[in-house]
Amino acid sequence: MTKIKTLHAREVLNSRGLPAVEAEVSVEGRSPNVSQFFRAISPEGASKGKYEAVELKDGGSRYHGLGVQHAVDNINKIISRKLVGMELD
């Protein structure tokens, strides 16, 4: 069985120089001592449709209020606790 081994998020800058969330997941492979890593970035879209997810921005002066550290903290402190150990099969 394949299980989520780790989940870690960080704040990165996208191609337009704006903060975005990057998440990295490692999973235990079917073979012993084999892990796979997956990484994805969720940049904001240029256009906003009514069905798009709402972005969680930090506000304040950092990156003119566009920082995503609060979202990163949510992933690292809350969401990862729910997902690490979950079976993927």
PDB file of N, CA and C in Angstrom:
ATOM      1  N   MET A   1       0.835  -1.186   0.000  1.00  0.00           N
ATOM      2  CA  MET A   1       0.000   0.000   0.000  1.00  0.00           C
ATOM      3  C   MET A   1       0.879   1.248   0.000  1.00  0.00           C
ATOM      4  N   THR A   2       0.436   2.252  -0.710  1.00  0.00           N
ATOM      5  CA  THR A   2       1.154   3.510  -0.772  1.00  0.00           C
ATOM      6  C   THR A   2       0.536   4.476   0.229  1.00  0.00           C
ATOM      7  N   LYS A   3       1.384   5.119   1.027  1.00  0.00           N
ATOM      8  CA  LYS A   3       0.909   6.074   2.031  1.00  0.00           C
ATOM      9  C   LYS A   3       1.639   7.394   1.891  1.00  0.00           C
ATOM     10  N   ILE A   4       0.960   8.453   2.294  1.00  0.00           N
ATOM     11  CA  ILE A   4       1.601   9.769   2.335  1.00  0.00           C
ATOM     12  C   ILE A   4       2.583   9.767   3.492  1.00  0.00           C
ATOM     13  N   LYS A   5       3.822  10.067   3.187  1.00  0.00           N
ATOM     14  CA  LYS A   5       4.888  10.063   4.193  1.00  0.00           C
ATOM     15  C   LYS A   5       5.101  11.459   4.778  1.00  0.00           C
ATOM     16  N   THR A   6       5.180  12.468   3.915  1.00  0.00           N
ATOM     17  CA  THR A   6       5.345  13.849   4.381  1.00  0.00           C
ATOM     18  C   THR A   6       4.550  14.789   3.487  1.00  0.00           C
ATOM     19  N   LEU A   7       4.208  15.933   4.035  1.00  0.00           N
ATOM     20  CA  LEU A   7       3.591  17.026   3.287  1.00  0.00           C
ATOM     21  C   LEU A   7       4.175  18.307   3.844  1.00  0.00           C
ATOM     22  N   HIS A   8       4.766  19.112   2.970  1.00  0.00           N
ATOM     23  CA  HIS A   8       5.372  20.365   3.411  1.00  0.00           C
ATOM     24  C   HIS A   8       5.073  21.451   2.390  1.00  0.00           C
ATOM     25  N   ALA A   9       4.640  22.603   2.871  1.00  0.00           N
ATOM     26  CA  ALA A   9       4.349  23.749   2.005  1.00  0.00           C
ATOM     27  C   ALA A   9       5.327  24.874   2.299  1.00  0.00           C
ATOM     28  N   ARG A  10       5.514  25.727   1.303  1.00  0.00           N
ATOM     29  CA  ARG A  10       6.364  26.913   1.463  1.00  0.00           C
ATOM     30  C   ARG A  10       5.824  28.021   0.579  1.00  0.00           C
ATOM     31  N   GLU A  11       6.198  29.236   0.899  1.00  0.00           N
ATOM     32  CA  GLU A  11       5.837  30.384   0.077  1.00  0.00           C
ATOM     33  C   GLU A  11       6.932  30.603  -0.963  1.00  0.00           C
ATOM     34  N   VAL A  12       6.548  30.691  -2.225  1.00  0.00           N
ATOM     35  CA  VAL A  12       7.479  30.952  -3.321  1.00  0.00           C
ATOM     36  C   VAL A  12       6.950  32.117  -4.145  1.00  0.00           C
ATOM     37  N   LEU A  13       7.756  32.603  -5.048  1.00  0.00           N
ATOM     38  CA  LEU A  13       7.305  33.651  -5.957  1.00  0.00           C
ATOM     39  C   LEU A  13       6.997  33.026  -7.314  1.00  0.00           C
ATOM     40  N   ASN A  14       5.843  33.384  -7.876  1.00  0.00           N
ATOM     41  CA  ASN A  14       5.469  32.828  -9.171  1.00  0.00           C
ATOM     42  C   ASN A  14       6.168  33.593 -10.300  1.00  0.00           C
ATOM     43  N   SER A  15       5.817  33.297 -11.528  1.00  0.00           N
ATOM     44  CA  SER A  15       6.490  33.901 -12.675  1.00  0.00           C
ATOM     45  C   SER A  15       6.263  35.403 -12.789  1.00  0.00           C
ATOM     46  N   ARG A  16       5.248  35.922 -12.106  1.00  0.00           N
ATOM     47  CA  ARG A  16       5.006  37.373 -12.099  1.00  0.00           C
ATOM     48  C   ARG A  16       5.579  38.043 -10.859  1.00  0.00           C
ATOM     49  N   GLY A  17       6.304  37.271 -10.060  1.00  0.00           N
ATOM     50  CA  GLY A  17       6.912  37.818  -8.857  1.00  0.00           C
ATOM     51  C   GLY A  17       5.964  37.962  -7.686  1.00  0.00           C
ATOM     52  N   LEU A  18       4.831  37.272  -7.743  1.00  0.00           N
ATOM     53  CA  LEU A  18       3.843  37.323  -6.666  1.00  0.00           C
ATOM     54  C   LEU A  18       3.917  36.057  -5.823  1.00  0.00           C
ATOM     55  N   PRO A  19       3.641  36.153  -4.526  1.00  0.00           N
ATOM     56  CA  PRO A  19       3.687  34.977  -3.656  1.00  0.00           C
ATOM     57  C   PRO A  19       2.666  33.915  -4.066  1.00  0.00           C
ATOM     58  N   ALA A  20       3.077  32.668  -3.960  1.00  0.00           N
ATOM     59  CA  ALA A  20       2.214  31.527  -4.250  1.00  0.00           C
ATOM     60  C   ALA A  20       2.586  30.409  -3.282  1.00  0.00           C
ATOM     61  N   VAL A  21       1.710  29.436  -3.156  1.00  0.00           N
ATOM     62  CA  VAL A  21       1.955  28.282  -2.297  1.00  0.00           C
ATOM     63  C   VAL A  21       2.549  27.154  -3.141  1.00  0.00           C
ATOM     64  N   GLU A  22       3.642  26.590  -2.648  1.00  0.00           N
ATOM     65  CA  GLU A  22       4.221  25.394  -3.248  1.00  0.00           C
ATOM     66  C   GLU A  22       4.121  24.296  -2.202  1.00  0.00           C
ATOM     67  N   ALA A  23       3.663  23.122  -2.608  1.00  0.00           N
ATOM     68  CA  ALA A  23       3.555  21.993  -1.689  1.00  0.00           C
ATOM     69  C   ALA A  23       4.344  20.819  -2.237  1.00  0.00           C
ATOM     70  N   GLU A  24       4.999  20.110  -1.333  1.00  0.00           N
ATOM     71  CA  GLU A  24       5.761  18.922  -1.697  1.00  0.00           C
ATOM     72  C   GLU A  24       5.246  17.754  -0.868  1.00  0.00           C
ATOM     73  N   VAL A  25       4.939  16.655  -1.539  1.00  0.00           N
ATOM     74  CA  VAL A  25       4.422  15.458  -0.896  1.00  0.00           C
ATOM     75  C   VAL A  25       5.379  14.314  -1.191  1.00  0.00           C
ATOM     76  N   SER A  26       5.708  13.545  -0.174  1.00  0.00           N
ATOM     77  CA  SER A  26       6.460  12.312  -0.408  1.00  0.00           C
ATOM     78  C   SER A  26       5.570  11.150  -0.013  1.00  0.00           C
ATOM     79  N   VAL A  27       5.664  10.092  -0.793  1.00  0.00           N
ATOM     80  CA  VAL A  27       4.874   8.896  -0.526  1.00  0.00           C
ATOM     81  C   VAL A  27       5.799   7.697  -0.429  1.00  0.00           C
ATOM     82  N   GLU A  28       5.419   6.767   0.416  1.00  0.00           N
ATOM     83  CA  GLU A  28       6.151   5.513   0.525  1.00  0.00           C
ATOM     84  C   GLU A  28       5.770   4.660  -0.669  1.00  0.00           C
ATOM     85  N   GLY A  29       6.762   4.141  -1.362  1.00  0.00           N
ATOM     86  CA  GLY A  29       6.500   3.302  -2.511  1.00  0.00           C
ATOM     87  C   GLY A  29       6.062   1.913  -2.113  1.00  0.00           C
ATOM     88  N   ARG A  30       5.695   1.142  -3.089  1.00  0.00           N
ATOM     89  CA  ARG A  30       5.283  -0.233  -2.846  1.00  0.00           C
ATOM     90  C   ARG A  30       6.463  -1.091  -2.420  1.00  0.00           C
ATOM     91  N   SER A  31       7.667  -0.724  -2.866  1.00  0.00           N
ATOM     92  CA  SER A  31       8.874  -1.449  -2.478  1.00  0.00           C
ATOM     93  C   SER A  31       9.434  -0.844  -1.201  1.00  0.00           C
ATOM     94  N   PRO A  32      10.020  -1.635  -0.337  1.00  0.00           N
ATOM     95  CA  PRO A  32      10.609  -1.100   0.891  1.00  0.00           C
ATOM     96  C   PRO A  32      11.711  -0.093   0.574  1.00  0.00           C
ATOM     97  N   ASN A  33      11.814   0.932   1.390  1.00  0.00           N
ATOM     98  CA  ASN A  33      12.859   1.954   1.285  1.00  0.00           C
ATOM     99  C   ASN A  33      12.816   2.742  -0.015  1.00  0.00           C
ATOM    100  N   VAL A  34      11.647   2.816  -0.664  1.00  0.00           N
ATOM    101  CA  VAL A  34      11.495   3.599  -1.880  1.00  0.00           C
ATOM    102  C   VAL A  34      10.457   4.679  -1.622  1.00  0.00           C
ATOM    103  N   SER A  35      10.850   5.926  -1.876  1.00  0.00           N
ATOM    104  CA  SER A  35       9.919   7.039  -1.724  1.00  0.00           C
ATOM    105  C   SER A  35       9.838   7.806  -3.033  1.00  0.00           C
ATOM    106  N   GLN A  36       8.702   8.420  -3.275  1.00  0.00           N
ATOM    107  CA  GLN A  36       8.513   9.279  -4.436  1.00  0.00           C
ATOM    108  C   GLN A  36       8.144  10.659  -3.923  1.00  0.00           C
ATOM    109  N   PHE A  37       8.578  11.696  -4.657  1.00  0.00           N
ATOM    110  CA  PHE A  37       8.292  13.071  -4.276  1.00  0.00           C
ATOM    111  C   PHE A  37       7.508  13.745  -5.388  1.00  0.00           C
ATOM    112  N   PHE A  38       6.517  14.527  -4.990  1.00  0.00           N
ATOM    113  CA  PHE A  38       5.697  15.282  -5.928  1.00  0.00           C
ATOM    114  C   PHE A  38       5.648  16.724  -5.436  1.00  0.00           C
ATOM    115  N   ARG A  39       5.743  17.663  -6.362  1.00  0.00           N
ATOM    116  CA  ARG A  39       5.748  19.082  -5.994  1.00  0.00           C
ATOM    117  C   ARG A  39       4.834  19.825  -6.957  1.00  0.00           C
ATOM    118  N   ALA A  40       4.057  20.770  -6.416  1.00  0.00           N
ATOM    119  CA  ALA A  40       3.158  21.584  -7.241  1.00  0.00           C
ATOM    120  C   ALA A  40       3.075  22.987  -6.668  1.00  0.00           C
ATOM    121  N   ILE A  41       2.836  23.942  -7.541  1.00  0.00           N
ATOM    122  CA  ILE A  41       2.662  25.345  -7.147  1.00  0.00           C
ATOM    123  C   ILE A  41       1.263  25.775  -7.575  1.00  0.00           C
ATOM    124  N   SER A  42       0.632  26.565  -6.732  1.00  0.00           N
ATOM    125  CA  SER A  42      -0.716  27.033  -7.045  1.00  0.00           C
ATOM    126  C   SER A  42      -0.725  28.551  -7.237  1.00  0.00           C
ATOM    127  N   PRO A  43      -0.271  29.027  -8.389  1.00  0.00           N
ATOM    128  CA  PRO A  43      -0.291  30.468  -8.621  1.00  0.00           C
ATOM    129  C   PRO A  43      -1.718  30.954  -8.822  1.00  0.00           C
ATOM    130  N   GLU A  44      -1.940  32.214  -8.507  1.00  0.00           N
ATOM    131  CA  GLU A  44      -3.273  32.761  -8.723  1.00  0.00           C
ATOM    132  C   GLU A  44      -3.487  33.002 -10.206  1.00  0.00           C
ATOM    133  N   GLY A  45      -4.721  32.897 -10.623  1.00  0.00           N
ATOM    134  CA  GLY A  45      -5.042  33.131 -12.023  1.00  0.00           C
ATOM    135  C   GLY A  45      -5.144  34.616 -12.333  1.00  0.00           C
ATOM    136  N   ALA A  46      -4.961  34.966 -13.592  1.00  0.00           N
ATOM    137  CA  ALA A  46      -5.064  36.364 -14.010  1.00  0.00           C
ATOM    138  C   ALA A  46      -6.519  36.810 -14.019  1.00  0.00           C
ATOM    139  N   SER A  47      -7.434  35.900 -14.355  1.00  0.00           N
ATOM    140  CA  SER A  47      -8.857  36.237 -14.337  1.00  0.00           C
ATOM    141  C   SER A  47      -9.523  35.475 -13.200  1.00  0.00           C
ATOM    142  N   LYS A  48     -10.553  36.044 -12.666  1.00  0.00           N
ATOM    143  CA  LYS A  48     -11.258  35.438 -11.538  1.00  0.00           C
ATOM    144  C   LYS A  48     -12.672  35.063 -11.957  1.00  0.00           C
ATOM    145  N   GLY A  49     -12.943  33.770 -11.991  1.00  0.00           N
ATOM    146  CA  GLY A  49     -14.288  33.303 -12.299  1.00  0.00           C
ATOM    147  C   GLY A  49     -15.087  33.111 -11.028  1.00  0.00           C
ATOM    148  N   LYS A  50     -16.392  33.034 -11.158  1.00  0.00           N
ATOM    149  CA  LYS A  50     -17.224  32.906  -9.955  1.00  0.00           C
ATOM    150  C   LYS A  50     -17.104  31.536  -9.306  1.00  0.00           C
ATOM    151  N   TYR A  51     -16.525  30.541  -9.999  1.00  0.00           N
ATOM    152  CA  TYR A  51     -16.385  29.201  -9.434  1.00  0.00           C
ATOM    153  C   TYR A  51     -14.974  28.919  -8.926  1.00  0.00           C
ATOM    154  N   GLU A  52     -14.099  29.894  -8.990  1.00  0.00           N
ATOM    155  CA  GLU A  52     -12.730  29.685  -8.505  1.00  0.00           C
ATOM    156  C   GLU A  52     -12.689  29.715  -6.982  1.00  0.00           C
ATOM    157  N   ALA A  53     -11.708  29.012  -6.430  1.00  0.00           N
ATOM    158  CA  ALA A  53     -11.521  29.009  -4.981  1.00  0.00           C
ATOM    159  C   ALA A  53     -11.108  30.410  -4.514  1.00  0.00           C
ATOM    160  N   VAL A  54     -11.471  30.741  -3.316  1.00  0.00           N
ATOM    161  CA  VAL A  54     -11.092  32.020  -2.732  1.00  0.00           C
ATOM    162  C   VAL A  54      -9.652  31.916  -2.244  1.00  0.00           C
ATOM    163  N   GLU A  55      -8.851  32.932  -2.547  1.00  0.00           N
ATOM    164  CA  GLU A  55      -7.455  32.934  -2.121  1.00  0.00           C
ATOM    165  C   GLU A  55      -7.341  33.433  -0.690  1.00  0.00           C
ATOM    166  N   LEU A  56      -6.392  32.882   0.038  1.00  0.00           N
ATOM    167  CA  LEU A  56      -6.133  33.306   1.411  1.00  0.00           C
ATOM    168  C   LEU A  56      -4.846  34.116   1.408  1.00  0.00           C
ATOM    169  N   LYS A  57      -4.969  35.425   1.455  1.00  0.00           N
ATOM    170  CA  LYS A  57      -3.815  36.331   1.471  1.00  0.00           C
ATOM    171  C   LYS A  57      -3.619  36.846   2.888  1.00  0.00           C
ATOM    172  N   ASP A  58      -2.367  37.153   3.238  1.00  0.00           N
ATOM    173  CA  ASP A  58      -2.025  37.551   4.598  1.00  0.00           C
ATOM    174  C   ASP A  58      -2.485  38.952   4.974  1.00  0.00           C
ATOM    175  N   GLY A  59      -2.510  39.860   4.022  1.00  0.00           N
ATOM    176  CA  GLY A  59      -2.782  41.254   4.346  1.00  0.00           C
ATOM    177  C   GLY A  59      -1.530  41.892   4.945  1.00  0.00           C
ATOM    178  N   GLY A  60      -1.624  43.098   5.423  1.00  0.00           N
ATOM    179  CA  GLY A  60      -0.470  43.770   6.022  1.00  0.00           C
ATOM    180  C   GLY A  60       0.449  44.358   4.962  1.00  0.00           C
ATOM    181  N   SER A  61       1.671  44.658   5.367  1.00  0.00           N
ATOM    182  CA  SER A  61       2.597  45.338   4.461  1.00  0.00           C
ATOM    183  C   SER A  61       3.515  44.388   3.682  1.00  0.00           C
ATOM    184  N   ARG A  62       3.685  43.188   4.156  1.00  0.00           N
ATOM    185  CA  ARG A  62       4.572  42.231   3.490  1.00  0.00           C
ATOM    186  C   ARG A  62       4.013  41.877   2.116  1.00  0.00           C
ATOM    187  N   TYR A  63       4.791  42.025   1.077  1.00  0.00           N
ATOM    188  CA  TYR A  63       4.362  41.790  -0.312  1.00  0.00           C
ATOM    189  C   TYR A  63       3.067  42.542  -0.618  1.00  0.00           C
ATOM    190  N   HIS A  64       2.923  43.730  -0.053  1.00  0.00           N
ATOM    191  CA  HIS A  64       1.730  44.564  -0.260  1.00  0.00           C
ATOM    192  C   HIS A  64       0.449  43.817   0.102  1.00  0.00           C
ATOM    193  N   GLY A  65       0.528  42.979   1.126  1.00  0.00           N
ATOM    194  CA  GLY A  65      -0.638  42.242   1.596  1.00  0.00           C
ATOM    195  C   GLY A  65      -0.909  40.945   0.853  1.00  0.00           C
ATOM    196  N   LEU A  66      -0.074  40.599  -0.123  1.00  0.00           N
ATOM    197  CA  LEU A  66      -0.327  39.432  -0.963  1.00  0.00           C
ATOM    198  C   LEU A  66       0.387  38.165  -0.504  1.00  0.00           C
ATOM    199  N   GLY A  67       1.075  38.216   0.636  1.00  0.00           N
ATOM    200  CA  GLY A  67       1.768  37.033   1.145  1.00  0.00           C
ATOM    201  C   GLY A  67       0.808  35.883   1.406  1.00  0.00           C
ATOM    202  N   VAL A  68       1.336  34.676   1.404  1.00  0.00           N
ATOM    203  CA  VAL A  68       0.505  33.486   1.609  1.00  0.00           C
ATOM    204  C   VAL A  68       1.018  32.647   2.784  1.00  0.00           C
ATOM    205  N   GLN A  69       1.732  33.276   3.703  1.00  0.00           N
ATOM    206  CA  GLN A  69       2.306  32.533   4.825  1.00  0.00           C
ATOM    207  C   GLN A  69       1.225  31.914   5.705  1.00  0.00           C
ATOM    208  N   HIS A  70       0.090  32.559   5.838  1.00  0.00           N
ATOM    209  CA  HIS A  70      -1.007  31.986   6.640  1.00  0.00           C
ATOM    210  C   HIS A  70      -1.505  30.686   5.999  1.00  0.00           C
ATOM    211  N   ALA A  71      -1.636  30.675   4.685  1.00  0.00           N
ATOM    212  CA  ALA A  71      -2.048  29.454   3.984  1.00  0.00           C
ATOM    213  C   ALA A  71      -0.994  28.365   4.138  1.00  0.00           C
ATOM    214  N   VAL A  72       0.283  28.739   4.052  1.00  0.00           N
ATOM    215  CA  VAL A  72       1.381  27.785   4.233  1.00  0.00           C
ATOM    216  C   VAL A  72       1.331  27.189   5.635  1.00  0.00           C
ATOM    217  N   ASP A  73       1.122  28.032   6.632  1.00  0.00           N
ATOM    218  CA  ASP A  73       1.019  27.544   8.010  1.00  0.00           C
ATOM    219  C   ASP A  73      -0.160  26.581   8.173  1.00  0.00           C
ATOM    220  N   ASN A  74      -1.290  26.885   7.526  1.00  0.00           N
ATOM    221  CA  ASN A  74      -2.444  25.982   7.598  1.00  0.00           C
ATOM    222  C   ASN A  74      -2.104  24.604   7.045  1.00  0.00           C
ATOM    223  N   ILE A  75      -1.370  24.583   5.939  1.00  0.00           N
ATOM    224  CA  ILE A  75      -0.989  23.294   5.344  1.00  0.00           C
ATOM    225  C   ILE A  75      -0.033  22.547   6.263  1.00  0.00           C
ATOM    226  N   ASN A  76       0.995  23.252   6.742  1.00  0.00           N
ATOM    227  CA  ASN A  76       2.033  22.592   7.537  1.00  0.00           C
ATOM    228  C   ASN A  76       1.576  22.187   8.937  1.00  0.00           C
ATOM    229  N   LYS A  77       0.664  22.928   9.529  1.00  0.00           N
ATOM    230  CA  LYS A  77       0.280  22.673  10.915  1.00  0.00           C
ATOM    231  C   LYS A  77      -1.061  21.958  11.074  1.00  0.00           C
ATOM    232  N   ILE A  78      -1.952  22.079  10.099  1.00  0.00           N
ATOM    233  CA  ILE A  78      -3.292  21.495  10.245  1.00  0.00           C
ATOM    234  C   ILE A  78      -3.544  20.410   9.204  1.00  0.00           C
ATOM    235  N   ILE A  79      -3.432  20.766   7.948  1.00  0.00           N
ATOM    236  CA  ILE A  79      -3.776  19.835   6.872  1.00  0.00           C
ATOM    237  C   ILE A  79      -2.831  18.646   6.838  1.00  0.00           C
ATOM    238  N   SER A  80      -1.529  18.896   7.015  1.00  0.00           N
ATOM    239  CA  SER A  80      -0.567  17.781   6.946  1.00  0.00           C
ATOM    240  C   SER A  80      -0.832  16.737   8.025  1.00  0.00           C
ATOM    241  N   ARG A  81      -1.283  17.165   9.190  1.00  0.00           N
ATOM    242  CA  ARG A  81      -1.584  16.204  10.261  1.00  0.00           C
ATOM    243  C   ARG A  81      -2.712  15.261   9.880  1.00  0.00           C
ATOM    244  N   LYS A  82      -3.627  15.745   9.047  1.00  0.00           N
ATOM    245  CA  LYS A  82      -4.767  14.918   8.607  1.00  0.00           C
ATOM    246  C   LYS A  82      -4.368  13.982   7.468  1.00  0.00           C
ATOM    247  N   LEU A  83      -3.410  14.406   6.640  1.00  0.00           N
ATOM    248  CA  LEU A  83      -3.090  13.634   5.445  1.00  0.00           C
ATOM    249  C   LEU A  83      -1.918  12.676   5.599  1.00  0.00           C
ATOM    250  N   VAL A  84      -0.923  13.018   6.427  1.00  0.00           N
ATOM    251  CA  VAL A  84       0.228  12.141   6.587  1.00  0.00           C
ATOM    252  C   VAL A  84      -0.240  10.817   7.174  1.00  0.00           C
ATOM    253  N   GLY A  85       0.162   9.725   6.541  1.00  0.00           N
ATOM    254  CA  GLY A  85      -0.262   8.392   6.949  1.00  0.00           C
ATOM    255  C   GLY A  85      -1.450   7.866   6.182  1.00  0.00           C
ATOM    256  N   MET A  86      -2.121   8.726   5.409  1.00  0.00           N
ATOM    257  CA  MET A  86      -3.291   8.307   4.643  1.00  0.00           C
ATOM    258  C   MET A  86      -2.862   7.390   3.491  1.00  0.00           C
ATOM    259  N   GLU A  87      -3.636   6.333   3.302  1.00  0.00           N
ATOM    260  CA  GLU A  87      -3.367   5.407   2.211  1.00  0.00           C
ATOM    261  C   GLU A  87      -3.900   5.985   0.911  1.00  0.00           C
ATOM    262  N   LEU A  88      -3.144   5.800  -0.158  1.00  0.00           N
ATOM    263  CA  LEU A  88      -3.520   6.351  -1.456  1.00  0.00           C
ATOM    264  C   LEU A  88      -4.146   5.326  -2.382  1.00  0.00           C
ATOM    265  N   ASP A  89      -4.121   4.075  -2.029  1.00  0.00           N
ATOM    266  CA  ASP A  89      -4.683   3.033  -2.905  1.00  0.00           C
ATOM    267  C   ASP A  89      -6.165   2.934  -2.785  1.00  0.00           C
TER     268      ASP A  89
END
